[in-house]
Amino acid sequence: ERMSNGMLMNGLLGTAQAAMGQNPTLTQNIMLQAFGVGGEL
């Protein structure tokens, strides 16, 4: 849910793979936040 909200708020629509293609750095950051992973794990 947190990753879905992050993608929607940043205009990254579609699958995670599609979002990675649109903006890999942003998608990676959203993914880590969704997992609950911050700086240095």
PDB file of all heavy atoms in Angstrom:
ATOM      1  N   GLU A   1       0.830  -1.203   0.000  1.00  0.00           N
ATOM      2  CA  GLU A   1       0.000   0.000   0.000  1.00  0.00           C
ATOM      3  C   GLU A   1       0.863   1.252   0.000  1.00  0.00           C
ATOM      4  O   GLU A   1       0.597   2.213  -0.730  1.00  0.00           O
ATOM      5  CB  GLU A   1      -0.915   0.002   1.227  1.00  0.00           C
ATOM      6  CG  GLU A   1      -1.857   1.193   1.293  1.00  0.00           C
ATOM      7  CD  GLU A   1      -2.765   1.148   2.511  1.00  0.00           C
ATOM      8  OE1 GLU A   1      -2.608   0.249   3.363  1.00  0.00           O
ATOM      9  OE2 GLU A   1      -3.643   2.030   2.616  1.00  0.00           O
ATOM     10  N   ARG A   2       1.931   1.242   0.797  1.00  0.00           N
ATOM     11  CA  ARG A   2       2.809   2.408   0.865  1.00  0.00           C
ATOM     12  C   ARG A   2       3.505   2.632  -0.479  1.00  0.00           C
ATOM     13  O   ARG A   2       3.647   3.769  -0.921  1.00  0.00           O
ATOM     14  CB  ARG A   2       3.839   2.212   1.985  1.00  0.00           C
ATOM     15  CG  ARG A   2       4.767   3.396   2.165  1.00  0.00           C
ATOM     16  CD  ARG A   2       5.262   3.530   3.597  1.00  0.00           C
ATOM     17  NE  ARG A   2       6.089   2.406   4.018  1.00  0.00           N
ATOM     18  CZ  ARG A   2       6.651   2.344   5.247  1.00  0.00           C
ATOM     19  NH1 ARG A   2       6.451   3.318   6.123  1.00  0.00           N
ATOM     20  NH2 ARG A   2       7.386   1.312   5.593  1.00  0.00           N
ATOM     21  N   MET A   3       3.924   1.547  -1.139  1.00  0.00           N
ATOM     22  CA  MET A   3       4.547   1.701  -2.445  1.00  0.00           C
ATOM     23  C   MET A   3       3.545   2.199  -3.481  1.00  0.00           C
ATOM     24  O   MET A   3       3.863   3.047  -4.316  1.00  0.00           O
ATOM     25  CB  MET A   3       5.164   0.386  -2.908  1.00  0.00           C
ATOM     26  CG  MET A   3       5.920   0.511  -4.230  1.00  0.00           C
ATOM     27  SD  MET A   3       6.977  -0.897  -4.591  1.00  0.00           S
ATOM     28  CE  MET A   3       7.765  -0.306  -6.101  1.00  0.00           C
ATOM     29  N   SER A   4       2.326   1.677  -3.440  1.00  0.00           N
ATOM     30  CA  SER A   4       1.283   2.107  -4.383  1.00  0.00           C
ATOM     31  C   SER A   4       0.985   3.589  -4.221  1.00  0.00           C
ATOM     32  O   SER A   4       0.864   4.325  -5.200  1.00  0.00           O
ATOM     33  CB  SER A   4       0.008   1.290  -4.164  1.00  0.00           C
ATOM     34  OG  SER A   4       0.227  -0.079  -4.418  1.00  0.00           O
ATOM     35  N   ASN A   5       0.869   4.039  -2.967  1.00  0.00           N
ATOM     36  CA  ASN A   5       0.621   5.459  -2.717  1.00  0.00           C
ATOM     37  C   ASN A   5       1.782   6.318  -3.200  1.00  0.00           C
ATOM     38  O   ASN A   5       1.584   7.396  -3.768  1.00  0.00           O
ATOM     39  CB  ASN A   5       0.379   5.697  -1.223  1.00  0.00           C
ATOM     40  CG  ASN A   5      -0.963   5.170  -0.751  1.00  0.00           C
ATOM     41  OD1 ASN A   5      -1.913   5.106  -1.514  1.00  0.00           O
ATOM     42  ND2 ASN A   5      -1.035   4.765   0.511  1.00  0.00           N
ATOM     43  N   GLY A   6       3.007   5.842  -2.970  1.00  0.00           N
ATOM     44  CA  GLY A   6       4.181   6.585  -3.405  1.00  0.00           C
ATOM     45  C   GLY A   6       4.252   6.705  -4.918  1.00  0.00           C
ATOM     46  O   GLY A   6       4.600   7.762  -5.458  1.00  0.00           O
ATOM     47  N   MET A   7       3.919   5.633  -5.611  1.00  0.00           N
ATOM     48  CA  MET A   7       3.925   5.663  -7.071  1.00  0.00           C
ATOM     49  C   MET A   7       2.866   6.621  -7.604  1.00  0.00           C
ATOM     50  O   MET A   7       3.122   7.399  -8.521  1.00  0.00           O
ATOM     51  CB  MET A   7       3.696   4.246  -7.619  1.00  0.00           C
ATOM     52  CG  MET A   7       4.881   3.313  -7.432  1.00  0.00           C
ATOM     53  SD  MET A   7       4.508   1.602  -7.896  1.00  0.00           S
ATOM     54  CE  MET A   7       4.043   1.803  -9.631  1.00  0.00           C
ATOM     55  N   LEU A   8       1.658   6.546  -7.026  1.00  0.00           N
ATOM     56  CA  LEU A   8       0.572   7.403  -7.494  1.00  0.00           C
ATOM     57  C   LEU A   8       0.892   8.871  -7.261  1.00  0.00           C
ATOM     58  O   LEU A   8       0.681   9.718  -8.144  1.00  0.00           O
ATOM     59  CB  LEU A   8      -0.725   7.028  -6.782  1.00  0.00           C
ATOM     60  CG  LEU A   8      -1.991   7.777  -7.232  1.00  0.00           C
ATOM     61  CD1 LEU A   8      -2.280   7.500  -8.698  1.00  0.00           C
ATOM     62  CD2 LEU A   8      -3.194   7.365  -6.375  1.00  0.00           C
ATOM     63  N   MET A   9       1.436   9.199  -6.096  1.00  0.00           N
ATOM     64  CA  MET A   9       1.765  10.585  -5.771  1.00  0.00           C
ATOM     65  C   MET A   9       2.858  11.143  -6.686  1.00  0.00           C
ATOM     66  O   MET A   9       2.924  12.351  -6.924  1.00  0.00           O
ATOM     67  CB  MET A   9       2.216  10.682  -4.307  1.00  0.00           C
ATOM     68  CG  MET A   9       1.097  10.499  -3.300  1.00  0.00           C
ATOM     69  SD  MET A   9       1.714  10.486  -1.590  1.00  0.00           S
ATOM     70  CE  MET A   9       2.410  12.148  -1.481  1.00  0.00           C
ATOM     71  N   ASN A  10       3.702  10.264  -7.203  1.00  0.00           N
ATOM     72  CA  ASN A  10       4.793  10.711  -8.073  1.00  0.00           C
ATOM     73  C   ASN A  10       4.503  10.475  -9.551  1.00  0.00           C
ATOM     74  O   ASN A  10       5.411  10.590 -10.384  1.00  0.00           O
ATOM     75  CB  ASN A  10       6.090  10.002  -7.680  1.00  0.00           C
ATOM     76  CG  ASN A  10       6.655  10.513  -6.375  1.00  0.00           C
ATOM     77  OD1 ASN A  10       7.333  11.537  -6.337  1.00  0.00           O
ATOM     78  ND2 ASN A  10       6.367   9.806  -5.278  1.00  0.00           N
ATOM     79  N   GLY A  11       3.251  10.145  -9.878  1.00  0.00           N
ATOM     80  CA  GLY A  11       2.856   9.996 -11.274  1.00  0.00           C
ATOM     81  C   GLY A  11       3.416   8.774 -11.951  1.00  0.00           C
ATOM     82  O   GLY A  11       3.503   8.720 -13.190  1.00  0.00           O
ATOM     83  N   LEU A  12       3.795   7.747 -11.175  1.00  0.00           N
ATOM     84  CA  LEU A  12       4.343   6.515 -11.742  1.00  0.00           C
ATOM     85  C   LEU A  12       3.222   5.486 -11.791  1.00  0.00           C
ATOM     86  O   LEU A  12       2.901   4.840 -10.795  1.00  0.00           O
ATOM     87  CB  LEU A  12       5.499   6.009 -10.890  1.00  0.00           C
ATOM     88  CG  LEU A  12       6.705   6.948 -10.779  1.00  0.00           C
ATOM     89  CD1 LEU A  12       7.700   6.419  -9.749  1.00  0.00           C
ATOM     90  CD2 LEU A  12       7.384   7.110 -12.129  1.00  0.00           C
ATOM     91  N   LEU A  13       2.621   5.342 -12.956  1.00  0.00           N
ATOM     92  CA  LEU A  13       1.464   4.477 -13.111  1.00  0.00           C
ATOM     93  C   LEU A  13       1.868   3.180 -13.787  1.00  0.00           C
ATOM     94  O   LEU A  13       2.820   3.128 -14.558  1.00  0.00           O
ATOM     95  CB  LEU A  13       0.381   5.187 -13.926  1.00  0.00           C
ATOM     96  CG  LEU A  13      -0.028   6.572 -13.396  1.00  0.00           C
ATOM     97  CD1 LEU A  13      -1.103   7.173 -14.282  1.00  0.00           C
ATOM     98  CD2 LEU A  13      -0.518   6.481 -11.962  1.00  0.00           C
ATOM     99  N   GLY A  14       1.111   2.106 -13.493  1.00  0.00           N
ATOM    100  CA  GLY A  14       1.416   0.817 -14.088  1.00  0.00           C
ATOM    101  C   GLY A  14       2.131  -0.081 -13.103  1.00  0.00           C
ATOM    102  O   GLY A  14       2.072   0.104 -11.890  1.00  0.00           O
ATOM    103  N   THR A  15       2.852  -1.074 -13.628  1.00  0.00           N
ATOM    104  CA  THR A  15       3.535  -2.032 -12.789  1.00  0.00           C
ATOM    105  C   THR A  15       4.817  -1.434 -12.210  1.00  0.00           C
ATOM    106  O   THR A  15       5.281  -0.374 -12.645  1.00  0.00           O
ATOM    107  CB  THR A  15       3.909  -3.281 -13.601  1.00  0.00           C
ATOM    108  OG1 THR A  15       4.849  -2.897 -14.621  1.00  0.00           O
ATOM    109  CG2 THR A  15       2.671  -3.909 -14.237  1.00  0.00           C
ATOM    110  N   ALA A  16       5.399  -2.137 -11.242  1.00  0.00           N
ATOM    111  CA  ALA A  16       6.666  -1.683 -10.679  1.00  0.00           C
ATOM    112  C   ALA A  16       7.756  -1.689 -11.735  1.00  0.00           C
ATOM    113  O   ALA A  16       8.623  -0.806 -11.770  1.00  0.00           O
ATOM    114  CB  ALA A  16       7.058  -2.585  -9.506  1.00  0.00           C
ATOM    115  N   GLN A  17       7.707  -2.676 -12.621  1.00  0.00           N
ATOM    116  CA  GLN A  17       8.706  -2.743 -13.691  1.00  0.00           C
ATOM    117  C   GLN A  17       8.568  -1.551 -14.629  1.00  0.00           C
ATOM    118  O   GLN A  17       9.566  -0.960 -15.065  1.00  0.00           O
ATOM    119  CB  GLN A  17       8.546  -4.052 -14.475  1.00  0.00           C
ATOM    120  CG  GLN A  17       9.626  -4.275 -15.533  1.00  0.00           C
ATOM    121  CD  GLN A  17       9.493  -5.628 -16.196  1.00  0.00           C
ATOM    122  OE1 GLN A  17       8.615  -6.419 -15.871  1.00  0.00           O
ATOM    123  NE2 GLN A  17      10.383  -5.916 -17.133  1.00  0.00           N
ATOM    124  N   ALA A  18       7.317  -1.187 -14.947  1.00  0.00           N
ATOM    125  CA  ALA A  18       7.094  -0.021 -15.805  1.00  0.00           C
ATOM    126  C   ALA A  18       7.567   1.248 -15.126  1.00  0.00           C
ATOM    127  O   ALA A  18       8.176   2.130 -15.753  1.00  0.00           O
ATOM    128  CB  ALA A  18       5.614   0.085 -16.166  1.00  0.00           C
ATOM    129  N   ALA A  19       7.294   1.368 -13.824  1.00  0.00           N
ATOM    130  CA  ALA A  19       7.735   2.541 -13.076  1.00  0.00           C
ATOM    131  C   ALA A  19       9.256   2.619 -13.038  1.00  0.00           C
ATOM    132  O   ALA A  19       9.843   3.702 -13.130  1.00  0.00           O
ATOM    133  CB  ALA A  19       7.177   2.491 -11.654  1.00  0.00           C
ATOM    134  N   MET A  20       9.908   1.465 -12.929  1.00  0.00           N
ATOM    135  CA  MET A  20      11.369   1.437 -12.929  1.00  0.00           C
ATOM    136  C   MET A  20      11.908   1.955 -14.245  1.00  0.00           C
ATOM    137  O   MET A  20      12.945   2.632 -14.294  1.00  0.00           O
ATOM    138  CB  MET A  20      11.864   0.016 -12.679  1.00  0.00           C
ATOM    139  CG  MET A  20      13.341  -0.091 -12.348  1.00  0.00           C
ATOM    140  SD  MET A  20      13.775   0.632 -10.744  1.00  0.00           S
ATOM    141  CE  MET A  20      13.184  -0.626  -9.617  1.00  0.00           C
ATOM    142  N   GLY A  21      11.183   1.659 -15.321  1.00  0.00           N
ATOM    143  CA  GLY A  21      11.608   2.160 -16.628  1.00  0.00           C
ATOM    144  C   GLY A  21      11.397   3.652 -16.771  1.00  0.00           C
ATOM    145  O   GLY A  21      12.186   4.339 -17.430  1.00  0.00           O
ATOM    146  N   GLN A  22      10.324   4.190 -16.145  1.00  0.00           N
ATOM    147  CA  GLN A  22      10.049   5.621 -16.223  1.00  0.00           C
ATOM    148  C   GLN A  22      11.061   6.431 -15.414  1.00  0.00           C
ATOM    149  O   GLN A  22      11.564   7.452 -15.872  1.00  0.00           O
ATOM    150  CB  GLN A  22       8.633   5.911 -15.686  1.00  0.00           C
ATOM    151  CG  GLN A  22       7.494   5.293 -16.483  1.00  0.00           C
ATOM    152  CD  GLN A  22       6.154   5.492 -15.794  1.00  0.00           C
ATOM    153  OE1 GLN A  22       5.778   6.608 -15.421  1.00  0.00           O
ATOM    154  NE2 GLN A  22       5.418   4.404 -15.586  1.00  0.00           N
ATOM    155  N   ASN A  23      11.326   5.986 -14.202  1.00  0.00           N
ATOM    156  CA  ASN A  23      12.220   6.730 -13.307  1.00  0.00           C
ATOM    157  C   ASN A  23      12.838   5.753 -12.309  1.00  0.00           C
ATOM    158  O   ASN A  23      12.330   5.574 -11.204  1.00  0.00           O
ATOM    159  CB  ASN A  23      11.452   7.836 -12.570  1.00  0.00           C
ATOM    160  CG  ASN A  23      12.376   8.827 -11.891  1.00  0.00           C
ATOM    161  OD1 ASN A  23      13.438   8.472 -11.406  1.00  0.00           O
ATOM    162  ND2 ASN A  23      11.947  10.079 -11.838  1.00  0.00           N
ATOM    163  N   PRO A  24      13.935   5.110 -12.691  1.00  0.00           N
ATOM    164  CA  PRO A  24      14.501   4.055 -11.833  1.00  0.00           C
ATOM    165  C   PRO A  24      14.942   4.526 -10.455  1.00  0.00           C
ATOM    166  O   PRO A  24      14.729   3.823  -9.469  1.00  0.00           O
ATOM    167  CB  PRO A  24      15.695   3.549 -12.655  1.00  0.00           C
ATOM    168  CG  PRO A  24      15.977   4.605 -13.657  1.00  0.00           C
ATOM    169  CD  PRO A  24      14.673   5.267 -13.941  1.00  0.00           C
ATOM    170  N   THR A  25      15.549   5.710 -10.368  1.00  0.00           N
ATOM    171  CA  THR A  25      16.032   6.192  -9.071  1.00  0.00           C
ATOM    172  C   THR A  25      14.874   6.462  -8.124  1.00  0.00           C
ATOM    173  O   THR A  25      14.885   6.032  -6.959  1.00  0.00           O
ATOM    174  CB  THR A  25      16.868   7.473  -9.240  1.00  0.00           C
ATOM    175  OG1 THR A  25      17.979   7.197 -10.095  1.00  0.00           O
ATOM    176  CG2 THR A  25      17.379   7.964  -7.895  1.00  0.00           C
ATOM    177  N   LEU A  26      13.860   7.172  -8.614  1.00  0.00           N
ATOM    178  CA  LEU A  26      12.697   7.485  -7.784  1.00  0.00           C
ATOM    179  C   LEU A  26      11.973   6.219  -7.380  1.00  0.00           C
ATOM    180  O   LEU A  26      11.569   6.058  -6.223  1.00  0.00           O
ATOM    181  CB  LEU A  26      11.756   8.426  -8.542  1.00  0.00           C
ATOM    182  CG  LEU A  26      10.450   8.810  -7.835  1.00  0.00           C
ATOM    183  CD1 LEU A  26      10.732   9.494  -6.506  1.00  0.00           C
ATOM    184  CD2 LEU A  26       9.597   9.715  -8.729  1.00  0.00           C
ATOM    185  N   THR A  27      11.794   5.301  -8.318  1.00  0.00           N
ATOM    186  CA  THR A  27      11.086   4.053  -8.022  1.00  0.00           C
ATOM    187  C   THR A  27      11.834   3.236  -6.981  1.00  0.00           C
ATOM    188  O   THR A  27      11.227   2.642  -6.082  1.00  0.00           O
ATOM    189  CB  THR A  27      10.903   3.223  -9.303  1.00  0.00           C
ATOM    190  OG1 THR A  27      10.216   3.999 -10.288  1.00  0.00           O
ATOM    191  CG2 THR A  27      10.100   1.957  -9.019  1.00  0.00           C
ATOM    192  N   GLN A  28      13.159   3.214  -7.077  1.00  0.00           N
ATOM    193  CA  GLN A  28      13.961   2.492  -6.095  1.00  0.00           C
ATOM    194  C   GLN A  28      13.781   3.088  -4.701  1.00  0.00           C
ATOM    195  O   GLN A  28      13.632   2.355  -3.717  1.00  0.00           O
ATOM    196  CB  GLN A  28      15.440   2.547  -6.500  1.00  0.00           C
ATOM    197  CG  GLN A  28      16.401   1.875  -5.523  1.00  0.00           C
ATOM    198  CD  GLN A  28      16.372   0.366  -5.618  1.00  0.00           C
ATOM    199  OE1 GLN A  28      15.750  -0.192  -6.516  1.00  0.00           O
ATOM    200  NE2 GLN A  28      17.037  -0.298  -4.682  1.00  0.00           N
ATOM    201  N   ASN A  29      13.769   4.413  -4.623  1.00  0.00           N
ATOM    202  CA  ASN A  29      13.572   5.077  -3.326  1.00  0.00           C
ATOM    203  C   ASN A  29      12.196   4.781  -2.751  1.00  0.00           C
ATOM    204  O   ASN A  29      12.040   4.535  -1.549  1.00  0.00           O
ATOM    205  CB  ASN A  29      13.778   6.584  -3.471  1.00  0.00           C
ATOM    206  CG  ASN A  29      15.227   6.959  -3.688  1.00  0.00           C
ATOM    207  OD1 ASN A  29      16.133   6.219  -3.310  1.00  0.00           O
ATOM    208  ND2 ASN A  29      15.457   8.106  -4.307  1.00  0.00           N
ATOM    209  N   ILE A  30      11.169   4.826  -3.611  1.00  0.00           N
ATOM    210  CA  ILE A  30       9.807   4.520  -3.168  1.00  0.00           C
ATOM    211  C   ILE A  30       9.725   3.076  -2.675  1.00  0.00           C
ATOM    212  O   ILE A  30       9.094   2.780  -1.657  1.00  0.00           O
ATOM    213  CB  ILE A  30       8.797   4.758  -4.313  1.00  0.00           C
ATOM    214  CG1 ILE A  30       8.719   6.253  -4.648  1.00  0.00           C
ATOM    215  CG2 ILE A  30       7.417   4.224  -3.934  1.00  0.00           C
ATOM    216  CD1 ILE A  30       7.893   6.556  -5.880  1.00  0.00           C
ATOM    217  N   MET A  31      10.390   2.184  -3.399  1.00  0.00           N
ATOM    218  CA  MET A  31      10.384   0.766  -3.033  1.00  0.00           C
ATOM    219  C   MET A  31      11.020   0.550  -1.660  1.00  0.00           C
ATOM    220  O   MET A  31      10.471  -0.150  -0.808  1.00  0.00           O
ATOM    221  CB  MET A  31      11.131  -0.049  -4.081  1.00  0.00           C
ATOM    222  CG  MET A  31      11.188  -1.542  -3.791  1.00  0.00           C
ATOM    223  SD  MET A  31      12.241  -2.411  -4.963  1.00  0.00           S
ATOM    224  CE  MET A  31      13.868  -1.805  -4.455  1.00  0.00           C
ATOM    225  N   LEU A  32      12.169   1.174  -1.423  1.00  0.00           N
ATOM    226  CA  LEU A  32      12.843   1.008  -0.145  1.00  0.00           C
ATOM    227  C   LEU A  32      12.000   1.579   1.000  1.00  0.00           C
ATOM    228  O   LEU A  32      11.933   1.005   2.087  1.00  0.00           O
ATOM    229  CB  LEU A  32      14.218   1.673  -0.177  1.00  0.00           C
ATOM    230  CG  LEU A  32      15.251   1.010  -1.096  1.00  0.00           C
ATOM    231  CD1 LEU A  32      16.543   1.812  -1.101  1.00  0.00           C
ATOM    232  CD2 LEU A  32      15.520  -0.431  -0.678  1.00  0.00           C
ATOM    233  N   GLN A  33      11.358   2.724   0.751  1.00  0.00           N
ATOM    234  CA  GLN A  33      10.482   3.298   1.763  1.00  0.00           C
ATOM    235  C   GLN A  33       9.285   2.386   2.033  1.00  0.00           C
ATOM    236  O   GLN A  33       8.829   2.266   3.170  1.00  0.00           O
ATOM    237  CB  GLN A  33      10.017   4.675   1.323  1.00  0.00           C
ATOM    238  CG  GLN A  33      11.125   5.725   1.332  1.00  0.00           C
ATOM    239  CD  GLN A  33      10.664   7.067   0.805  1.00  0.00           C
ATOM    240  OE1 GLN A  33       9.483   7.267   0.533  1.00  0.00           O
ATOM    241  NE2 GLN A  33      11.595   7.995   0.642  1.00  0.00           N
ATOM    242  N   ALA A  34       8.780   1.749   0.968  1.00  0.00           N
ATOM    243  CA  ALA A  34       7.657   0.821   1.131  1.00  0.00           C
ATOM    244  C   ALA A  34       8.049  -0.361   2.003  1.00  0.00           C
ATOM    245  O   ALA A  34       7.263  -0.841   2.820  1.00  0.00           O
ATOM    246  CB  ALA A  34       7.181   0.328  -0.239  1.00  0.00           C
ATOM    247  N   PHE A  35       9.286  -0.836   1.841  1.00  0.00           N
ATOM    248  CA  PHE A  35       9.763  -1.945   2.652  1.00  0.00           C
ATOM    249  C   PHE A  35      10.091  -1.508   4.072  1.00  0.00           C
ATOM    250  O   PHE A  35      10.290  -2.334   4.961  1.00  0.00           O
ATOM    251  CB  PHE A  35      11.026  -2.562   2.030  1.00  0.00           C
ATOM    252  CG  PHE A  35      10.811  -3.155   0.675  1.00  0.00           C
ATOM    253  CD1 PHE A  35      11.872  -3.377  -0.176  1.00  0.00           C
ATOM    254  CD2 PHE A  35       9.540  -3.496   0.222  1.00  0.00           C
ATOM    255  CE1 PHE A  35      11.691  -3.922  -1.436  1.00  0.00           C
ATOM    256  CE2 PHE A  35       9.335  -4.038  -1.033  1.00  0.00           C
ATOM    257  CZ  PHE A  35      10.410  -4.255  -1.865  1.00  0.00           C
ATOM    258  N   GLY A  36      10.161  -0.180   4.280  1.00  0.00           N
ATOM    259  CA  GLY A  36      10.530   0.331   5.587  1.00  0.00           C
ATOM    260  C   GLY A  36      12.015   0.511   5.744  1.00  0.00           C
ATOM    261  O   GLY A  36      12.513   0.633   6.864  1.00  0.00           O
ATOM    262  N   VAL A  37      12.762   0.511   4.631  1.00  0.00           N
ATOM    263  CA  VAL A  37      14.213   0.612   4.688  1.00  0.00           C
ATOM    264  C   VAL A  37      14.643   2.045   4.461  1.00  0.00           C
ATOM    265  O   VAL A  37      14.325   2.654   3.440  1.00  0.00           O
ATOM    266  CB  VAL A  37      14.874  -0.295   3.627  1.00  0.00           C
ATOM    267  CG1 VAL A  37      16.397  -0.148   3.674  1.00  0.00           C
ATOM    268  CG2 VAL A  37      14.479  -1.738   3.854  1.00  0.00           C
ATOM    269  N   GLY A  38      15.363   2.601   5.426  1.00  0.00           N
ATOM    270  CA  GLY A  38      15.882   3.956   5.300  1.00  0.00           C
ATOM    271  C   GLY A  38      17.358   3.953   4.969  1.00  0.00           C
ATOM    272  O   GLY A  38      17.890   2.977   4.442  1.00  0.00           O
ATOM    273  N   GLY A  39      18.036   5.034   5.279  1.00  0.00           N
ATOM    274  CA  GLY A  39      19.454   5.151   5.000  1.00  0.00           C
ATOM    275  C   GLY A  39      20.261   4.094   5.725  1.00  0.00           C
ATOM    276  O   GLY A  39      20.033   3.799   6.894  1.00  0.00           O
ATOM    277  N   GLU A  40      21.197   3.476   5.016  1.00  0.00           N
ATOM    278  CA  GLU A  40      22.053   2.422   5.558  1.00  0.00           C
ATOM    279  C   GLU A  40      21.228   1.306   6.218  1.00  0.00           C
ATOM    280  O   GLU A  40      21.572   0.768   7.271  1.00  0.00           O
ATOM    281  CB  GLU A  40      23.075   2.997   6.550  1.00  0.00           C
ATOM    282  CG  GLU A  40      24.030   4.002   5.912  1.00  0.00           C
ATOM    283  CD  GLU A  40      25.056   4.515   6.896  1.00  0.00           C
ATOM    284  OE1 GLU A  40      24.969   4.135   8.089  1.00  0.00           O
ATOM    285  OE2 GLU A  40      25.946   5.273   6.487  1.00  0.00           O
ATOM    286  N   LEU A  41      20.125   0.983   5.577  1.00  0.00           N
ATOM    287  CA  LEU A  41      19.258  -0.107   6.016  1.00  0.00           C
ATOM    288  C   LEU A  41      18.641   0.130   7.397  1.00  0.00           C
ATOM    289  O   LEU A  41      18.326  -0.805   8.124  1.00  0.00           O
ATOM    290  CB  LEU A  41      20.014  -1.441   5.993  1.00  0.00           C
ATOM    291  CG  LEU A  41      20.433  -1.921   4.599  1.00  0.00           C
ATOM    292  CD1 LEU A  41      21.174  -3.236   4.697  1.00  0.00           C
ATOM    293  CD2 LEU A  41      19.239  -2.067   3.675  1.00  0.00           C
TER     294      LEU A  41
END
